[in-house]
Amino acid sequence: MSKKLVSLMLLVCANLLFAQQNEEFKSAKNYFDYQRFMLNNEFKKKFDNEENIEQKIAIKRDFSEFMLKLDSIQNTAFIGTLIKVKNREDLTKITIKNLPELHLANPKKEELNEEAKYPGGFETLRKQVADLFYTDSVLPDQKLLKTNVVFVVEKDGSIGNVQAEGDNFTFNRQAEIAMYLLPEKFSPAIINGTAVRYRFRLPLSMTFD
């Protein structure tokens, strides 16, 4: 088998890998969204059928507690998925480290016909990350936490190699999880009509009361 064919196979596998990572997070999220839907229906039936006001209040309290526990369980599942994804990424870097097509050096802006873009722009991206961020797991050591999230937009618009660079470990981890949970793909960067990999740096900050 020629070296060129081997390289091509590795490139195809790499593209499938990064798309799969996004799907793993989406699959986990869909599972817990379904559990919330079922719990909501069951509690609503119980609430609607109860006539006693005090019991209704107790049902609402139980529902809130259940949802908080489910959020925590979901986050634990996301952390497990993140660890698995990062381990796979590290293994892939070792396997295909000599392929020039997969280096992380960005093309120069003047070389690009189109930069990679997120639907709705960066404000939409930041808002969605904030909405997906699980703040309950973060133990802030100061009121304002910051991180820079570096990630690669792949040729198919999926993202990979997400790395948050900040002082607070749990804040970084939650930022990475939120990035992988983004509901939309990017439009990839384009050079001469061909999609190319492109690295982004997204500053994020959050205030904790």
Protein backbone atom coordinates (compact mmCIF):
# COMPACT_ATOMS: atom_id res chain seq x y z
CA MET A 1 0.00 0.00 0.00
CA SER A 2 1.45 3.37 -0.96
CA LYS A 3 2.36 6.03 1.60
CA LYS A 4 -0.10 8.41 -0.05
CA LEU A 5 -2.97 5.94 0.39
CA VAL A 6 -2.07 5.33 4.04
CA SER A 7 -2.04 9.09 4.67
CA LEU A 8 -5.41 9.46 2.99
CA MET A 9 -6.92 6.72 5.15
CA LEU A 10 -5.57 8.38 8.30
CA LEU A 11 -6.99 11.73 7.23
CA VAL A 12 -10.43 10.21 6.66
CA CYS A 13 -10.28 8.49 10.05
CA ALA A 14 -9.29 11.76 11.71
CA ASN A 15 -12.20 13.66 10.17
CA LEU A 16 -14.61 10.94 11.32
CA LEU A 17 -13.07 11.07 14.79
CA PHE A 18 -13.70 14.77 15.35
CA ALA A 19 -17.27 14.53 14.05
CA GLN A 20 -17.84 11.54 16.34
CA GLN A 21 -16.68 13.49 19.39
CA ASN A 22 -19.39 16.07 18.88
CA GLU A 23 -21.94 13.28 18.43
CA GLU A 24 -20.89 11.60 21.68
CA PHE A 25 -21.72 14.74 23.63
CA LYS A 26 -24.97 15.27 21.74
CA SER A 27 -26.00 11.67 22.38
CA ALA A 28 -25.39 12.09 26.13
CA LYS A 29 -27.30 15.38 26.16
CA ASN A 30 -30.23 13.86 24.25
CA TYR A 31 -30.43 11.02 26.77
CA PHE A 32 -30.69 13.37 29.74
CA ASP A 33 -33.07 15.71 27.91
CA TYR A 34 -35.37 12.71 27.43
CA GLN A 35 -35.10 11.82 31.13
CA ARG A 36 -36.09 15.40 32.02
CA PHE A 37 -39.03 15.19 29.64
CA MET A 38 -40.27 11.95 31.23
CA LEU A 39 -39.79 13.22 34.78
CA ASN A 40 -41.57 16.46 33.96
CA ASN A 41 -44.56 14.53 32.61
CA GLU A 42 -44.75 12.25 35.64
CA PHE A 43 -44.50 15.08 38.15
CA LYS A 44 -47.04 17.14 36.21
CA LYS A 45 -49.56 14.28 36.30
CA LYS A 46 -49.00 13.86 40.02
CA PHE A 47 -49.30 17.61 40.59
CA ASP A 48 -52.48 17.96 38.51
CA ASN A 49 -54.15 15.02 40.26
CA GLU A 50 -53.35 16.30 43.75
CA GLU A 51 -55.96 18.55 45.36
CA ASN A 52 -54.24 19.29 48.63
CA ILE A 53 -52.28 22.59 48.42
CA GLU A 54 -49.58 21.51 50.83
CA GLN A 55 -49.04 18.31 48.86
CA LYS A 56 -48.83 20.31 45.64
CA ILE A 57 -46.09 22.45 47.18
CA ALA A 58 -44.26 19.31 48.31
CA ILE A 59 -44.49 17.85 44.79
CA LYS A 60 -43.00 21.03 43.31
CA ARG A 61 -40.18 20.90 45.86
CA ASP A 62 -39.48 17.24 45.08
CA PHE A 63 -39.47 18.03 41.36
CA SER A 64 -36.89 20.80 41.82
CA GLU A 65 -34.68 18.49 43.89
CA PHE A 66 -34.93 15.73 41.30
CA MET A 67 -33.92 18.11 38.51
CA LEU A 68 -30.93 19.39 40.49
CA LYS A 69 -29.76 15.83 41.06
CA LEU A 70 -30.26 15.03 37.37
CA ASP A 71 -28.17 18.06 36.40
CA SER A 72 -25.35 16.81 38.62
CA ILE A 73 -25.57 13.26 37.21
CA GLN A 74 -25.58 14.65 33.68
CA ASN A 75 -22.47 16.71 34.38
CA THR A 76 -20.69 13.62 35.70
CA ALA A 77 -21.56 11.86 32.44
CA PHE A 78 -20.25 14.82 30.43
CA ILE A 79 -16.97 14.78 32.38
CA GLY A 80 -16.57 11.09 31.55
CA THR A 81 -17.24 11.83 27.88
CA LEU A 82 -14.72 14.69 27.93
CA ILE A 83 -12.01 12.45 29.39
CA LYS A 84 -12.70 9.80 26.75
CA VAL A 85 -12.63 12.37 23.95
CA LYS A 86 -9.37 13.94 25.13
CA ASN A 87 -7.71 10.54 25.48
CA ARG A 88 -8.74 9.70 21.93
CA GLU A 89 -7.47 13.05 20.67
CA ASP A 90 -4.10 12.49 22.33
CA LEU A 91 -3.86 9.04 20.75
CA THR A 92 -4.74 10.48 17.34
CA LYS A 93 -2.02 13.14 17.63
CA ILE A 94 0.53 10.39 18.22
CA THR A 95 -0.79 8.27 15.34
CA ILE A 96 -0.92 11.03 12.73
CA LYS A 97 1.61 13.53 14.07
CA ASN A 98 3.74 13.45 10.89
CA LEU A 99 0.93 14.35 8.49
CA PRO A 100 1.36 17.98 7.39
CA GLU A 101 -2.36 18.30 6.63
CA LEU A 102 -3.13 17.97 10.34
CA HIS A 103 -0.78 20.51 11.90
CA LEU A 104 -2.38 23.21 14.01
CA ALA A 105 -0.58 26.22 12.54
CA ASN A 106 -3.23 28.57 11.20
CA PRO A 107 -3.26 29.72 7.59
CA LYS A 108 -2.51 33.42 7.29
CA LYS A 109 -5.64 35.56 7.08
CA GLU A 110 -4.60 36.90 3.71
CA GLU A 111 -4.56 33.32 2.42
CA LEU A 112 -8.20 32.74 3.37
CA ASN A 113 -11.10 33.31 1.03
CA GLU A 114 -13.44 32.82 4.00
CA GLU A 115 -12.79 32.54 7.72
CA ALA A 116 -14.51 29.89 9.79
CA LYS A 117 -17.75 31.30 11.22
CA TYR A 118 -20.35 30.21 13.75
CA PRO A 119 -24.03 30.71 12.80
CA GLY A 120 -25.09 34.02 14.31
CA GLY A 121 -21.51 35.11 14.99
CA PHE A 122 -19.41 35.21 18.13
CA GLU A 123 -22.09 36.82 20.30
CA THR A 124 -24.39 33.86 19.59
CA LEU A 125 -21.49 31.50 20.27
CA ARG A 126 -20.72 33.10 23.64
CA LYS A 127 -24.40 33.11 24.63
CA GLN A 128 -24.82 29.43 23.79
CA VAL A 129 -21.67 28.52 25.71
CA ALA A 130 -22.99 30.47 28.73
CA ASP A 131 -26.36 28.69 28.48
CA LEU A 132 -24.65 25.28 28.35
CA PHE A 133 -22.25 26.07 31.19
CA TYR A 134 -22.90 24.10 34.40
CA THR A 135 -21.95 26.64 37.06
CA ASP A 136 -22.92 24.47 40.05
CA SER A 137 -19.76 22.39 39.62
CA VAL A 138 -17.45 25.40 39.79
CA LEU A 139 -16.00 26.42 43.15
CA PRO A 140 -14.79 29.94 42.35
CA ASP A 141 -11.72 31.20 44.19
CA GLN A 142 -12.54 34.73 43.04
CA LYS A 143 -15.60 36.63 41.85
CA LEU A 144 -14.51 36.88 38.19
CA LEU A 145 -13.16 33.79 36.41
CA LYS A 146 -11.59 33.89 32.96
CA THR A 147 -10.31 31.39 30.45
CA ASN A 148 -9.20 31.29 26.83
CA VAL A 149 -10.71 28.39 24.91
CA VAL A 150 -8.54 27.25 22.01
CA PHE A 151 -10.15 24.86 19.53
CA VAL A 152 -9.90 23.69 15.94
CA VAL A 153 -12.72 24.01 13.43
CA GLU A 154 -12.42 20.93 11.24
CA LYS A 155 -13.06 20.79 7.51
CA ASP A 156 -16.62 19.57 8.09
CA GLY A 157 -17.39 22.40 10.55
CA SER A 158 -17.18 20.23 13.67
CA ILE A 159 -14.77 21.19 16.44
CA GLY A 160 -11.95 19.30 18.08
CA ASN A 161 -8.84 19.71 20.23
CA VAL A 162 -10.74 21.96 22.67
CA GLN A 163 -8.40 23.27 25.35
CA ALA A 164 -9.35 25.89 27.95
CA GLU A 165 -6.43 27.87 29.35
CA GLY A 166 -7.21 29.53 32.68
CA ASP A 167 -6.35 29.44 36.38
CA ASN A 168 -9.46 27.58 37.61
CA PHE A 169 -9.48 23.89 36.64
CA THR A 170 -13.22 23.24 37.03
CA PHE A 171 -14.08 26.44 35.16
CA ASN A 172 -11.80 25.33 32.30
CA ARG A 173 -13.37 21.88 32.23
CA GLN A 174 -16.92 23.21 32.11
CA ALA A 175 -15.94 25.60 29.30
CA GLU A 176 -14.58 22.66 27.28
CA ILE A 177 -17.75 20.63 27.84
CA ALA A 178 -19.94 23.57 26.80
CA MET A 179 -17.95 23.97 23.56
CA TYR A 180 -18.46 20.32 22.64
CA LEU A 181 -22.19 20.68 23.36
CA LEU A 182 -22.71 23.54 20.91
CA PRO A 183 -25.84 22.76 18.84
CA GLU A 184 -24.53 24.11 15.52
CA LYS A 185 -21.52 23.47 13.33
CA PHE A 186 -19.21 26.18 12.06
CA SER A 187 -18.90 26.99 8.41
CA PRO A 188 -15.26 26.00 7.75
CA ALA A 189 -12.45 28.28 6.62
CA ILE A 190 -11.93 28.24 2.86
CA ILE A 191 -8.76 28.59 0.75
CA ASN A 192 -9.14 28.45 -3.03
CA GLY A 193 -12.53 26.77 -2.72
CA THR A 194 -11.25 24.07 -0.36
CA ALA A 195 -12.20 23.71 3.31
CA VAL A 196 -9.21 23.81 5.68
CA ARG A 197 -8.69 23.33 9.40
CA TYR A 198 -8.63 26.57 11.37
CA ARG A 199 -7.73 27.26 14.99
CA PHE A 200 -9.70 29.70 17.13
CA ARG A 201 -9.11 31.36 20.50
CA LEU A 202 -12.30 32.36 22.34
CA PRO A 203 -11.93 34.42 25.56
CA LEU A 204 -14.61 33.64 28.15
CA SER A 205 -15.33 35.20 31.51
CA MET A 206 -18.04 34.71 34.12
CA THR A 207 -18.94 36.57 37.30
CA PHE A 208 -19.89 34.55 40.40
CA ASP A 209 -21.86 36.19 43.19
